[in-house]
């Protein structure tokens, strides 16, 4: 039976699991990372892992949400009115897509087995909470960038953003030359959908 930890030990172990989990998931993917390896890297017994996470997929999902949050924040922090133009917004989306491609936790989502494992092992309440976070992000994005008299439908922006992310994460599908063009087109569609009158 796993031993009890005091609150300071629990915090340190959780931090260690997150750090070592990120390293292992980025190096080996979700399927290639075992709970044994995660526990060993954090210096705990395998049984103790379950005091912190119900599965390795839940740990992966926690880390994935952190990565998503960090990537999205610049879009919600408009520094000055002068930055609210098409070129600035387009540049921010390009940065977001490039960083998404460079983030292994996000890039791994193009693997069907990883997506299936996450949907199978993440509790439905947790998935629902994630969906609500996504909706709040989209609402804030629309509020920041779309004129109040002409705001787009949230689902339309969700679809355009998802399309841009999927294009960004599939360079091998398009080939080097077409990938850049396809990504530019997807980002332009997203900017147009958010604020067609932006100039």
N, C-alpha and C. Protein backbone atom coordinates (compact mmCIF):
# COMPACT_ATOMS: atom_id res chain seq x y z
N UNK A 1 0.85 -1.20 0.00
CA UNK A 1 0.00 0.00 0.00
C UNK A 1 0.88 1.24 0.00
N UNK A 2 0.59 2.24 -0.88
CA UNK A 2 1.42 3.44 -0.94
C UNK A 2 1.41 4.18 0.39
N UNK A 3 2.58 4.70 0.79
CA UNK A 3 2.64 5.42 2.06
C UNK A 3 2.02 6.80 1.91
N UNK A 4 1.63 7.36 3.07
CA UNK A 4 1.03 8.70 3.06
C UNK A 4 2.15 9.74 2.93
N UNK A 5 1.84 10.83 2.25
CA UNK A 5 2.79 11.93 2.11
C UNK A 5 2.21 13.15 2.81
N UNK A 6 3.09 13.97 3.38
CA UNK A 6 2.60 15.23 3.93
C UNK A 6 2.39 16.22 2.79
N UNK A 7 1.79 17.36 3.10
CA UNK A 7 1.40 18.29 2.02
C UNK A 7 2.61 18.82 1.26
N UNK A 8 3.73 19.03 1.94
CA UNK A 8 4.93 19.51 1.25
C UNK A 8 5.46 18.44 0.30
N UNK A 9 5.46 17.19 0.75
CA UNK A 9 5.90 16.09 -0.11
C UNK A 9 4.96 15.92 -1.30
N UNK A 10 3.66 16.04 -1.07
CA UNK A 10 2.69 15.91 -2.16
C UNK A 10 2.94 16.96 -3.23
N UNK A 11 3.17 18.21 -2.80
CA UNK A 11 3.44 19.29 -3.76
C UNK A 11 4.71 19.00 -4.56
N UNK A 12 5.76 18.57 -3.85
CA UNK A 12 7.04 18.29 -4.52
C UNK A 12 6.89 17.12 -5.49
N UNK A 13 6.16 16.08 -5.10
CA UNK A 13 5.97 14.92 -5.97
C UNK A 13 5.14 15.28 -7.19
N UNK A 14 4.07 16.04 -6.98
CA UNK A 14 3.23 16.47 -8.11
C UNK A 14 4.07 17.28 -9.11
N UNK A 15 4.88 18.21 -8.58
CA UNK A 15 5.75 19.02 -9.44
C UNK A 15 6.73 18.13 -10.20
N UNK A 16 7.28 17.14 -9.50
CA UNK A 16 8.23 16.22 -10.12
C UNK A 16 7.56 15.38 -11.20
N UNK A 17 6.35 14.90 -10.92
CA UNK A 17 5.60 14.12 -11.92
C UNK A 17 5.32 14.96 -13.16
N UNK A 18 4.97 16.21 -12.97
CA UNK A 18 4.67 17.08 -14.11
C UNK A 18 5.94 17.34 -14.93
N UNK A 19 7.05 17.61 -14.24
CA UNK A 19 8.30 17.89 -14.95
C UNK A 19 8.81 16.64 -15.68
N UNK A 20 8.88 15.52 -14.95
CA UNK A 20 9.38 14.30 -15.59
C UNK A 20 8.39 13.79 -16.62
N UNK A 21 7.08 13.99 -16.36
CA UNK A 21 6.07 13.59 -17.33
C UNK A 21 6.22 14.34 -18.63
N UNK A 22 6.42 15.64 -18.52
CA UNK A 22 6.61 16.43 -19.75
C UNK A 22 7.83 15.93 -20.53
N UNK A 23 8.94 15.71 -19.82
CA UNK A 23 10.15 15.22 -20.49
C UNK A 23 9.91 13.88 -21.17
N UNK A 24 9.29 12.95 -20.45
CA UNK A 24 9.07 11.61 -21.01
C UNK A 24 8.05 11.62 -22.15
N UNK A 25 6.96 12.35 -21.99
CA UNK A 25 5.95 12.40 -23.05
C UNK A 25 6.52 13.06 -24.31
N UNK A 26 7.32 14.11 -24.12
CA UNK A 26 7.90 14.79 -25.29
C UNK A 26 8.89 13.89 -26.01
N UNK A 27 9.60 13.08 -25.25
CA UNK A 27 10.61 12.19 -25.84
C UNK A 27 10.00 10.93 -26.42
N UNK A 28 9.04 10.33 -25.70
CA UNK A 28 8.55 9.00 -26.06
C UNK A 28 7.10 8.94 -26.50
N UNK A 29 6.38 10.06 -26.41
CA UNK A 29 4.96 10.05 -26.72
C UNK A 29 4.17 9.42 -25.59
N UNK A 30 2.85 9.45 -25.73
CA UNK A 30 1.97 8.90 -24.69
C UNK A 30 2.11 7.38 -24.62
N UNK A 31 2.03 6.71 -25.76
CA UNK A 31 2.08 5.24 -25.77
C UNK A 31 3.43 4.71 -25.28
N UNK A 32 4.50 5.45 -25.56
CA UNK A 32 5.84 5.00 -25.20
C UNK A 32 6.26 5.35 -23.78
N UNK A 33 5.37 5.97 -23.03
CA UNK A 33 5.67 6.35 -21.64
C UNK A 33 4.83 5.49 -20.71
N UNK A 34 5.48 4.81 -19.79
CA UNK A 34 4.76 3.95 -18.85
C UNK A 34 4.62 4.62 -17.50
N UNK A 35 3.66 4.15 -16.73
CA UNK A 35 3.49 4.65 -15.36
C UNK A 35 4.71 4.28 -14.53
N UNK A 36 5.29 3.12 -14.78
CA UNK A 36 6.54 2.74 -14.10
C UNK A 36 7.62 3.80 -14.30
N UNK A 37 7.79 4.23 -15.56
CA UNK A 37 8.82 5.22 -15.87
C UNK A 37 8.50 6.56 -15.22
N UNK A 38 7.23 6.96 -15.23
CA UNK A 38 6.83 8.23 -14.61
C UNK A 38 7.09 8.20 -13.11
N UNK A 39 6.70 7.09 -12.46
CA UNK A 39 6.90 6.98 -11.02
C UNK A 39 8.39 6.95 -10.68
N UNK A 40 9.15 6.18 -11.43
CA UNK A 40 10.59 6.08 -11.19
C UNK A 40 11.26 7.45 -11.32
N UNK A 41 10.89 8.20 -12.36
CA UNK A 41 11.49 9.52 -12.57
C UNK A 41 11.14 10.49 -11.44
N UNK A 42 9.98 10.29 -10.83
CA UNK A 42 9.56 11.16 -9.72
C UNK A 42 10.04 10.64 -8.37
N UNK A 43 10.68 9.46 -8.36
CA UNK A 43 11.21 8.90 -7.13
C UNK A 43 10.15 8.32 -6.21
N UNK A 44 9.07 7.80 -6.79
CA UNK A 44 8.00 7.20 -5.99
C UNK A 44 7.71 5.79 -6.50
N UNK A 45 7.00 5.02 -5.69
CA UNK A 45 6.57 3.69 -6.11
C UNK A 45 5.45 3.81 -7.13
N UNK A 46 5.31 2.81 -7.98
CA UNK A 46 4.27 2.84 -9.01
C UNK A 46 2.89 3.05 -8.40
N UNK A 47 2.60 2.37 -7.30
CA UNK A 47 1.30 2.51 -6.66
C UNK A 47 1.03 3.92 -6.17
N UNK A 48 2.09 4.64 -5.82
CA UNK A 48 1.92 6.01 -5.33
C UNK A 48 1.49 6.97 -6.45
N UNK A 49 1.80 6.61 -7.68
CA UNK A 49 1.41 7.46 -8.82
C UNK A 49 -0.09 7.75 -8.77
N UNK A 50 -0.88 6.73 -8.42
CA UNK A 50 -2.34 6.84 -8.47
C UNK A 50 -2.91 7.73 -7.36
N UNK A 51 -2.08 8.10 -6.40
CA UNK A 51 -2.53 9.09 -5.41
C UNK A 51 -2.61 10.48 -6.04
N UNK A 52 -1.90 10.66 -7.17
CA UNK A 52 -1.80 11.97 -7.80
C UNK A 52 -2.59 12.04 -9.11
N UNK A 53 -2.56 10.97 -9.89
CA UNK A 53 -3.25 10.93 -11.18
C UNK A 53 -3.90 9.57 -11.36
N UNK A 54 -5.10 9.57 -11.88
CA UNK A 54 -5.81 8.30 -12.08
C UNK A 54 -5.25 7.51 -13.27
N UNK A 55 -4.52 8.19 -14.16
CA UNK A 55 -3.91 7.53 -15.32
C UNK A 55 -2.83 8.44 -15.88
N UNK A 56 -1.98 7.86 -16.71
CA UNK A 56 -0.96 8.69 -17.37
C UNK A 56 -1.62 9.66 -18.35
N UNK A 57 -2.78 9.28 -18.89
CA UNK A 57 -3.50 10.15 -19.82
C UNK A 57 -3.97 11.43 -19.13
N UNK A 58 -4.38 11.32 -17.87
CA UNK A 58 -4.82 12.52 -17.12
C UNK A 58 -3.64 13.46 -16.89
N UNK A 59 -2.47 12.90 -16.58
CA UNK A 59 -1.26 13.73 -16.44
C UNK A 59 -0.94 14.40 -17.77
N UNK A 60 -0.98 13.66 -18.85
CA UNK A 60 -0.72 14.23 -20.19
C UNK A 60 -1.69 15.37 -20.47
N UNK A 61 -2.95 15.15 -20.16
CA UNK A 61 -3.99 16.14 -20.43
C UNK A 61 -3.75 17.42 -19.62
N UNK A 62 -3.33 17.27 -18.35
CA UNK A 62 -2.98 18.43 -17.53
C UNK A 62 -1.89 19.25 -18.19
N UNK A 63 -0.85 18.57 -18.64
CA UNK A 63 0.28 19.25 -19.27
C UNK A 63 -0.13 19.88 -20.61
N UNK A 64 -0.99 19.20 -21.33
CA UNK A 64 -1.50 19.72 -22.60
C UNK A 64 -2.29 21.01 -22.38
N UNK A 65 -3.12 21.03 -21.35
CA UNK A 65 -3.90 22.24 -21.05
C UNK A 65 -2.97 23.40 -20.69
N UNK A 66 -1.92 23.13 -19.93
CA UNK A 66 -0.94 24.18 -19.61
C UNK A 66 -0.30 24.75 -20.87
N UNK A 67 0.08 23.86 -21.79
CA UNK A 67 0.71 24.29 -23.04
C UNK A 67 -0.26 25.13 -23.86
N UNK A 68 -1.51 24.70 -23.95
CA UNK A 68 -2.53 25.45 -24.68
C UNK A 68 -2.71 26.85 -24.10
N UNK A 69 -2.79 26.92 -22.78
CA UNK A 69 -3.00 28.20 -22.11
C UNK A 69 -1.86 29.16 -22.40
N UNK A 70 -0.64 28.67 -22.32
CA UNK A 70 0.53 29.53 -22.58
C UNK A 70 0.53 30.05 -24.02
N UNK A 71 0.12 29.21 -24.98
CA UNK A 71 0.11 29.63 -26.38
C UNK A 71 -0.99 30.65 -26.67
N UNK A 72 -2.11 30.53 -25.97
CA UNK A 72 -3.25 31.40 -26.27
C UNK A 72 -3.15 32.80 -25.66
N UNK A 73 -2.45 32.92 -24.56
CA UNK A 73 -2.45 34.18 -23.81
C UNK A 73 -2.10 35.43 -24.63
N UNK A 74 -1.08 35.39 -25.48
CA UNK A 74 -0.76 36.61 -26.24
C UNK A 74 -1.94 37.14 -27.07
N UNK A 75 -2.83 36.26 -27.53
CA UNK A 75 -3.97 36.70 -28.33
C UNK A 75 -5.00 37.45 -27.49
N UNK A 76 -4.95 37.26 -26.20
CA UNK A 76 -5.93 37.90 -25.32
C UNK A 76 -5.37 39.16 -24.67
N UNK A 77 -4.10 39.43 -24.88
CA UNK A 77 -3.47 40.60 -24.27
C UNK A 77 -3.11 41.60 -25.36
N UNK A 78 -4.08 42.36 -25.77
CA UNK A 78 -3.83 43.39 -26.78
C UNK A 78 -3.15 44.55 -26.07
N UNK A 79 -1.89 44.82 -26.44
CA UNK A 79 -1.10 45.79 -25.69
C UNK A 79 -1.55 47.23 -25.90
N UNK A 80 -2.00 47.54 -27.10
CA UNK A 80 -2.40 48.91 -27.39
C UNK A 80 -3.35 48.90 -28.57
N UNK A 81 -4.17 49.93 -28.65
CA UNK A 81 -5.14 50.03 -29.74
C UNK A 81 -4.45 49.98 -31.11
N UNK A 82 -3.23 50.51 -31.18
CA UNK A 82 -2.51 50.53 -32.46
C UNK A 82 -2.16 49.13 -32.95
N UNK A 83 -2.15 48.14 -32.04
CA UNK A 83 -1.84 46.78 -32.45
C UNK A 83 -3.05 46.06 -33.03
N UNK A 84 -4.21 46.69 -32.93
CA UNK A 84 -5.42 46.00 -33.38
C UNK A 84 -5.60 46.18 -34.88
N UNK A 85 -4.74 45.58 -35.63
CA UNK A 85 -4.88 45.63 -37.08
C UNK A 85 -4.67 44.23 -37.65
N UNK A 86 -5.03 44.08 -38.90
CA UNK A 86 -4.97 42.77 -39.55
C UNK A 86 -3.55 42.17 -39.53
N UNK A 87 -2.56 42.99 -39.80
CA UNK A 87 -1.18 42.49 -39.86
C UNK A 87 -0.74 41.96 -38.49
N UNK A 88 -1.07 42.70 -37.43
CA UNK A 88 -0.67 42.28 -36.09
C UNK A 88 -1.36 40.98 -35.71
N UNK A 89 -2.66 40.90 -35.95
CA UNK A 89 -3.42 39.71 -35.59
C UNK A 89 -2.95 38.50 -36.40
N UNK A 90 -2.72 38.71 -37.69
CA UNK A 90 -2.24 37.63 -38.54
C UNK A 90 -0.88 37.13 -38.05
N UNK A 91 0.01 38.06 -37.68
CA UNK A 91 1.33 37.68 -37.16
C UNK A 91 1.19 36.87 -35.87
N UNK A 92 0.27 37.26 -35.00
CA UNK A 92 0.07 36.53 -33.75
C UNK A 92 -0.42 35.10 -34.01
N UNK A 93 -1.32 34.96 -34.96
CA UNK A 93 -1.80 33.61 -35.29
C UNK A 93 -0.69 32.78 -35.93
N UNK A 94 0.17 33.39 -36.73
CA UNK A 94 1.31 32.66 -37.31
C UNK A 94 2.23 32.14 -36.21
N UNK A 95 2.49 33.02 -35.22
CA UNK A 95 3.34 32.62 -34.08
C UNK A 95 2.69 31.47 -33.33
N UNK A 96 1.38 31.58 -33.09
CA UNK A 96 0.65 30.54 -32.38
C UNK A 96 0.76 29.21 -33.12
N UNK A 97 0.56 29.23 -34.43
CA UNK A 97 0.61 27.99 -35.20
C UNK A 97 2.02 27.39 -35.23
N UNK A 98 3.04 28.24 -35.34
CA UNK A 98 4.42 27.75 -35.34
C UNK A 98 4.76 27.12 -34.00
N UNK A 99 4.35 27.79 -32.92
CA UNK A 99 4.64 27.26 -31.59
C UNK A 99 3.85 25.97 -31.33
N UNK A 100 2.65 25.87 -31.90
CA UNK A 100 1.88 24.63 -31.77
C UNK A 100 2.62 23.48 -32.45
N UNK A 101 3.19 23.75 -33.62
CA UNK A 101 3.94 22.73 -34.35
C UNK A 101 5.20 22.32 -33.60
N UNK A 102 5.79 23.27 -32.86
CA UNK A 102 7.02 22.99 -32.12
C UNK A 102 6.76 22.34 -30.77
N UNK A 103 5.51 22.37 -30.29
CA UNK A 103 5.17 21.82 -28.98
C UNK A 103 4.84 20.34 -29.12
N UNK A 104 5.73 19.45 -28.62
CA UNK A 104 5.51 18.01 -28.82
C UNK A 104 4.18 17.50 -28.26
N UNK A 105 3.73 18.03 -27.15
CA UNK A 105 2.47 17.55 -26.56
C UNK A 105 1.29 17.82 -27.49
N UNK A 106 1.35 18.93 -28.21
CA UNK A 106 0.29 19.27 -29.16
C UNK A 106 0.51 18.51 -30.47
N UNK A 107 1.74 18.48 -30.92
CA UNK A 107 2.05 17.78 -32.18
C UNK A 107 1.65 16.31 -32.12
N UNK A 108 1.79 15.70 -30.94
CA UNK A 108 1.44 14.29 -30.78
C UNK A 108 -0.05 14.02 -30.97
N UNK A 109 -0.87 15.07 -30.93
CA UNK A 109 -2.31 14.89 -31.10
C UNK A 109 -2.68 14.50 -32.53
N UNK A 110 -1.73 14.62 -33.45
CA UNK A 110 -2.00 14.17 -34.82
C UNK A 110 -1.96 12.64 -34.90
N UNK A 111 -1.47 11.99 -33.87
CA UNK A 111 -1.45 10.53 -33.81
C UNK A 111 -2.81 10.04 -33.32
N UNK A 112 -3.49 9.28 -34.15
CA UNK A 112 -4.86 8.83 -33.82
C UNK A 112 -4.91 8.02 -32.53
N UNK A 113 -3.89 7.20 -32.29
CA UNK A 113 -3.88 6.38 -31.07
C UNK A 113 -3.79 7.25 -29.82
N UNK A 114 -3.03 8.33 -29.89
CA UNK A 114 -2.93 9.25 -28.74
C UNK A 114 -4.28 9.90 -28.48
N UNK A 115 -4.93 10.38 -29.52
CA UNK A 115 -6.25 11.01 -29.34
C UNK A 115 -7.26 10.02 -28.78
N UNK A 116 -7.27 8.81 -29.30
CA UNK A 116 -8.22 7.80 -28.81
C UNK A 116 -7.96 7.47 -27.34
N UNK A 117 -6.69 7.36 -26.96
CA UNK A 117 -6.35 7.05 -25.57
C UNK A 117 -6.80 8.18 -24.65
N UNK A 118 -6.62 9.41 -25.07
CA UNK A 118 -7.05 10.54 -24.24
C UNK A 118 -8.56 10.55 -24.08
N UNK A 119 -9.30 10.40 -25.17
CA UNK A 119 -10.76 10.42 -25.09
C UNK A 119 -11.30 9.24 -24.29
N UNK A 120 -10.58 8.13 -24.34
CA UNK A 120 -11.04 6.94 -23.62
C UNK A 120 -10.77 7.05 -22.12
N UNK A 121 -9.66 7.69 -21.73
CA UNK A 121 -9.23 7.66 -20.33
C UNK A 121 -9.49 8.95 -19.55
N UNK A 122 -9.80 10.05 -20.23
CA UNK A 122 -10.08 11.29 -19.51
C UNK A 122 -11.54 11.27 -19.08
N UNK A 123 -11.83 11.50 -17.80
CA UNK A 123 -13.23 11.50 -17.35
C UNK A 123 -14.07 12.51 -18.13
N UNK A 124 -15.33 12.15 -18.40
CA UNK A 124 -16.19 13.00 -19.22
C UNK A 124 -16.38 14.39 -18.59
N UNK A 125 -16.42 14.46 -17.27
CA UNK A 125 -16.55 15.76 -16.61
C UNK A 125 -15.34 16.65 -16.90
N UNK A 126 -14.17 16.01 -16.97
CA UNK A 126 -12.94 16.76 -17.26
C UNK A 126 -12.94 17.25 -18.70
N UNK A 127 -13.40 16.42 -19.62
CA UNK A 127 -13.51 16.83 -21.02
C UNK A 127 -14.50 17.98 -21.18
N UNK A 128 -15.60 17.90 -20.43
CA UNK A 128 -16.61 18.96 -20.47
C UNK A 128 -16.03 20.27 -19.95
N UNK A 129 -15.28 20.20 -18.85
CA UNK A 129 -14.63 21.40 -18.31
C UNK A 129 -13.65 21.99 -19.31
N UNK A 130 -12.92 21.13 -20.03
CA UNK A 130 -11.98 21.59 -21.05
C UNK A 130 -12.73 22.29 -22.19
N UNK A 131 -13.84 21.71 -22.59
CA UNK A 131 -14.66 22.32 -23.64
C UNK A 131 -15.16 23.70 -23.20
N UNK A 132 -15.55 23.83 -21.94
CA UNK A 132 -16.01 25.12 -21.43
C UNK A 132 -14.87 26.15 -21.41
N UNK A 133 -13.65 25.71 -21.09
CA UNK A 133 -12.48 26.60 -21.14
C UNK A 133 -12.26 27.09 -22.57
N UNK A 134 -12.37 26.16 -23.52
CA UNK A 134 -12.21 26.53 -24.93
C UNK A 134 -13.25 27.56 -25.34
N UNK A 135 -14.48 27.37 -24.89
CA UNK A 135 -15.55 28.31 -25.22
C UNK A 135 -15.29 29.69 -24.62
N UNK A 136 -14.80 29.72 -23.38
CA UNK A 136 -14.47 31.01 -22.75
C UNK A 136 -13.35 31.71 -23.49
N UNK A 137 -12.34 30.93 -23.93
CA UNK A 137 -11.26 31.52 -24.72
C UNK A 137 -11.80 32.12 -26.00
N UNK A 138 -12.65 31.38 -26.71
CA UNK A 138 -13.21 31.87 -27.97
C UNK A 138 -14.07 33.10 -27.73
N UNK A 139 -14.87 33.10 -26.67
CA UNK A 139 -15.70 34.28 -26.36
C UNK A 139 -14.84 35.51 -26.11
N UNK A 140 -13.74 35.31 -25.38
CA UNK A 140 -12.85 36.45 -25.09
C UNK A 140 -12.14 36.91 -26.36
N UNK A 141 -11.73 35.96 -27.18
CA UNK A 141 -11.08 36.31 -28.45
C UNK A 141 -12.01 37.13 -29.32
N UNK A 142 -13.25 36.68 -29.44
CA UNK A 142 -14.24 37.40 -30.25
C UNK A 142 -14.52 38.78 -29.66
N UNK A 143 -14.65 38.84 -28.34
CA UNK A 143 -14.91 40.14 -27.68
C UNK A 143 -13.76 41.12 -27.93
N UNK A 144 -12.52 40.62 -27.87
CA UNK A 144 -11.35 41.49 -28.06
C UNK A 144 -11.20 41.96 -29.50
N UNK A 145 -11.58 41.10 -30.47
CA UNK A 145 -11.22 41.39 -31.85
C UNK A 145 -12.39 41.69 -32.77
N UNK A 146 -13.60 41.38 -32.38
CA UNK A 146 -14.73 41.60 -33.28
C UNK A 146 -15.55 42.79 -32.82
N UNK A 147 -15.99 43.64 -33.76
CA UNK A 147 -16.82 44.79 -33.37
C UNK A 147 -18.13 44.32 -32.76
N UNK A 148 -18.57 45.00 -31.73
CA UNK A 148 -19.75 44.55 -30.97
C UNK A 148 -20.99 44.44 -31.85
N UNK A 149 -21.09 45.25 -32.88
CA UNK A 149 -22.28 45.21 -33.74
C UNK A 149 -22.23 44.10 -34.78
N UNK A 150 -21.07 43.43 -34.89
CA UNK A 150 -20.93 42.43 -35.95
C UNK A 150 -20.09 41.25 -35.46
N UNK A 151 -20.48 40.66 -34.35
CA UNK A 151 -19.70 39.56 -33.78
C UNK A 151 -20.05 38.25 -34.47
N UNK A 152 -19.03 37.45 -34.80
CA UNK A 152 -19.29 36.16 -35.46
C UNK A 152 -19.79 35.12 -34.46
N UNK A 153 -20.34 34.05 -34.99
CA UNK A 153 -20.78 32.92 -34.19
C UNK A 153 -19.56 32.18 -33.64
N UNK A 154 -19.61 31.81 -32.37
CA UNK A 154 -18.48 31.13 -31.73
C UNK A 154 -18.09 29.85 -32.46
N UNK A 155 -19.08 29.08 -32.89
CA UNK A 155 -18.78 27.81 -33.56
C UNK A 155 -18.06 28.04 -34.89
N UNK A 156 -18.39 29.13 -35.57
CA UNK A 156 -17.70 29.43 -36.82
C UNK A 156 -16.22 29.71 -36.57
N UNK A 157 -15.93 30.48 -35.52
CA UNK A 157 -14.53 30.77 -35.19
C UNK A 157 -13.83 29.52 -34.69
N UNK A 158 -14.54 28.69 -33.92
CA UNK A 158 -13.96 27.42 -33.46
C UNK A 158 -13.57 26.55 -34.65
N UNK A 159 -14.43 26.49 -35.66
CA UNK A 159 -14.15 25.68 -36.84
C UNK A 159 -12.94 26.23 -37.60
N UNK A 160 -12.88 27.55 -37.77
CA UNK A 160 -11.75 28.16 -38.50
C UNK A 160 -10.44 27.99 -37.75
N UNK A 161 -10.49 28.15 -36.41
CA UNK A 161 -9.28 27.98 -35.62
C UNK A 161 -8.81 26.53 -35.64
N UNK A 162 -9.74 25.60 -35.52
CA UNK A 162 -9.40 24.17 -35.59
C UNK A 162 -8.78 23.83 -36.94
N UNK A 163 -9.35 24.38 -38.01
CA UNK A 163 -8.80 24.13 -39.34
C UNK A 163 -7.37 24.65 -39.42
N UNK A 164 -7.12 25.85 -38.91
CA UNK A 164 -5.77 26.41 -38.96
C UNK A 164 -4.78 25.56 -38.16
N UNK A 165 -5.19 25.10 -36.99
CA UNK A 165 -4.31 24.26 -36.17
C UNK A 165 -4.03 22.94 -36.87
N UNK A 166 -5.06 22.33 -37.47
CA UNK A 166 -4.86 21.06 -38.15
C UNK A 166 -3.93 21.22 -39.36
N UNK A 167 -4.07 22.32 -40.08
CA UNK A 167 -3.15 22.58 -41.20
C UNK A 167 -1.73 22.75 -40.66
N UNK A 168 -1.59 23.53 -39.59
CA UNK A 168 -0.26 23.80 -39.01
C UNK A 168 0.43 22.50 -38.60
N UNK A 169 -0.33 21.55 -38.06
CA UNK A 169 0.25 20.33 -37.52
C UNK A 169 0.50 19.24 -38.57
N UNK A 170 0.17 19.51 -39.85
CA UNK A 170 0.29 18.48 -40.89
C UNK A 170 1.21 18.90 -42.04
N UNK A 171 2.42 19.38 -41.75
CA UNK A 171 3.28 19.81 -42.87
C UNK A 171 3.60 18.68 -43.84
N UNK A 172 3.73 17.45 -43.34
CA UNK A 172 4.07 16.33 -44.22
C UNK A 172 2.94 16.01 -45.19
N UNK A 173 1.71 16.32 -44.82
CA UNK A 173 0.57 16.06 -45.69
C UNK A 173 0.60 16.99 -46.90
N UNK A 174 0.95 18.26 -46.67
CA UNK A 174 0.93 19.26 -47.74
C UNK A 174 2.22 19.31 -48.54
N UNK A 175 3.34 18.95 -47.93
CA UNK A 175 4.63 19.17 -48.54
C UNK A 175 5.10 20.57 -48.19
N UNK A 176 6.41 20.79 -48.24
CA UNK A 176 7.00 22.05 -47.75
C UNK A 176 6.41 23.29 -48.43
N UNK A 177 6.33 23.30 -49.74
CA UNK A 177 5.85 24.49 -50.46
C UNK A 177 4.37 24.75 -50.19
N UNK A 178 3.53 23.74 -50.33
CA UNK A 178 2.09 23.95 -50.17
C UNK A 178 1.69 24.18 -48.72
N UNK A 179 2.48 23.66 -47.77
CA UNK A 179 2.12 23.83 -46.37
C UNK A 179 2.05 25.31 -45.99
N UNK A 180 3.05 26.08 -46.39
CA UNK A 180 3.05 27.51 -46.08
C UNK A 180 1.86 28.23 -46.69
N UNK A 181 1.55 27.89 -47.92
CA UNK A 181 0.41 28.52 -48.60
C UNK A 181 -0.91 28.13 -47.93
N UNK A 182 -1.05 26.85 -47.58
CA UNK A 182 -2.28 26.38 -46.94
C UNK A 182 -2.44 27.03 -45.57
N UNK A 183 -1.35 27.16 -44.83
CA UNK A 183 -1.43 27.78 -43.51
C UNK A 183 -1.77 29.26 -43.62
N UNK A 184 -1.18 29.95 -44.59
CA UNK A 184 -1.53 31.37 -44.81
C UNK A 184 -3.02 31.51 -45.11
N UNK A 185 -3.55 30.62 -45.94
CA UNK A 185 -4.97 30.68 -46.30
C UNK A 185 -5.86 30.41 -45.08
N UNK A 186 -5.46 29.44 -44.26
CA UNK A 186 -6.26 29.11 -43.08
C UNK A 186 -6.24 30.26 -42.07
N UNK A 187 -5.09 30.89 -41.91
CA UNK A 187 -4.99 32.03 -40.97
C UNK A 187 -5.78 33.21 -41.50
N UNK A 188 -5.71 33.47 -42.81
CA UNK A 188 -6.49 34.57 -43.40
C UNK A 188 -7.97 34.33 -43.19
N UNK A 189 -8.42 33.10 -43.34
CA UNK A 189 -9.82 32.77 -43.11
C UNK A 189 -10.21 33.03 -41.66
N UNK A 190 -9.33 32.68 -40.74
CA UNK A 190 -9.59 32.90 -39.32
C UNK A 190 -9.69 34.39 -39.00
N UNK A 191 -8.74 35.17 -39.52
CA UNK A 191 -8.76 36.62 -39.28
C UNK A 191 -10.02 37.24 -39.90
N UNK A 192 -10.36 36.84 -41.12
CA UNK A 192 -11.57 37.35 -41.76
C UNK A 192 -12.81 37.01 -40.95
N UNK A 193 -12.85 35.80 -40.42
CA UNK A 193 -14.00 35.40 -39.64
C UNK A 193 -14.13 36.16 -38.34
N UNK A 194 -12.99 36.47 -37.72
CA UNK A 194 -13.02 37.20 -36.46
C UNK A 194 -13.41 38.65 -36.63
N UNK A 195 -12.85 39.28 -37.66
CA UNK A 195 -13.06 40.72 -37.80
C UNK A 195 -12.95 41.12 -39.25
N UNK A 196 -13.97 40.86 -40.05
CA UNK A 196 -13.85 41.14 -41.48
C UNK A 196 -13.57 42.59 -41.80
N UNK A 197 -13.91 43.50 -40.90
CA UNK A 197 -13.67 44.93 -41.18
C UNK A 197 -12.34 45.43 -40.70
N UNK A 198 -11.50 44.55 -40.14
CA UNK A 198 -10.22 44.98 -39.61
C UNK A 198 -9.30 45.44 -40.74
N UNK A 199 -8.58 46.55 -40.53
CA UNK A 199 -7.63 47.01 -41.55
C UNK A 199 -6.39 47.60 -40.92
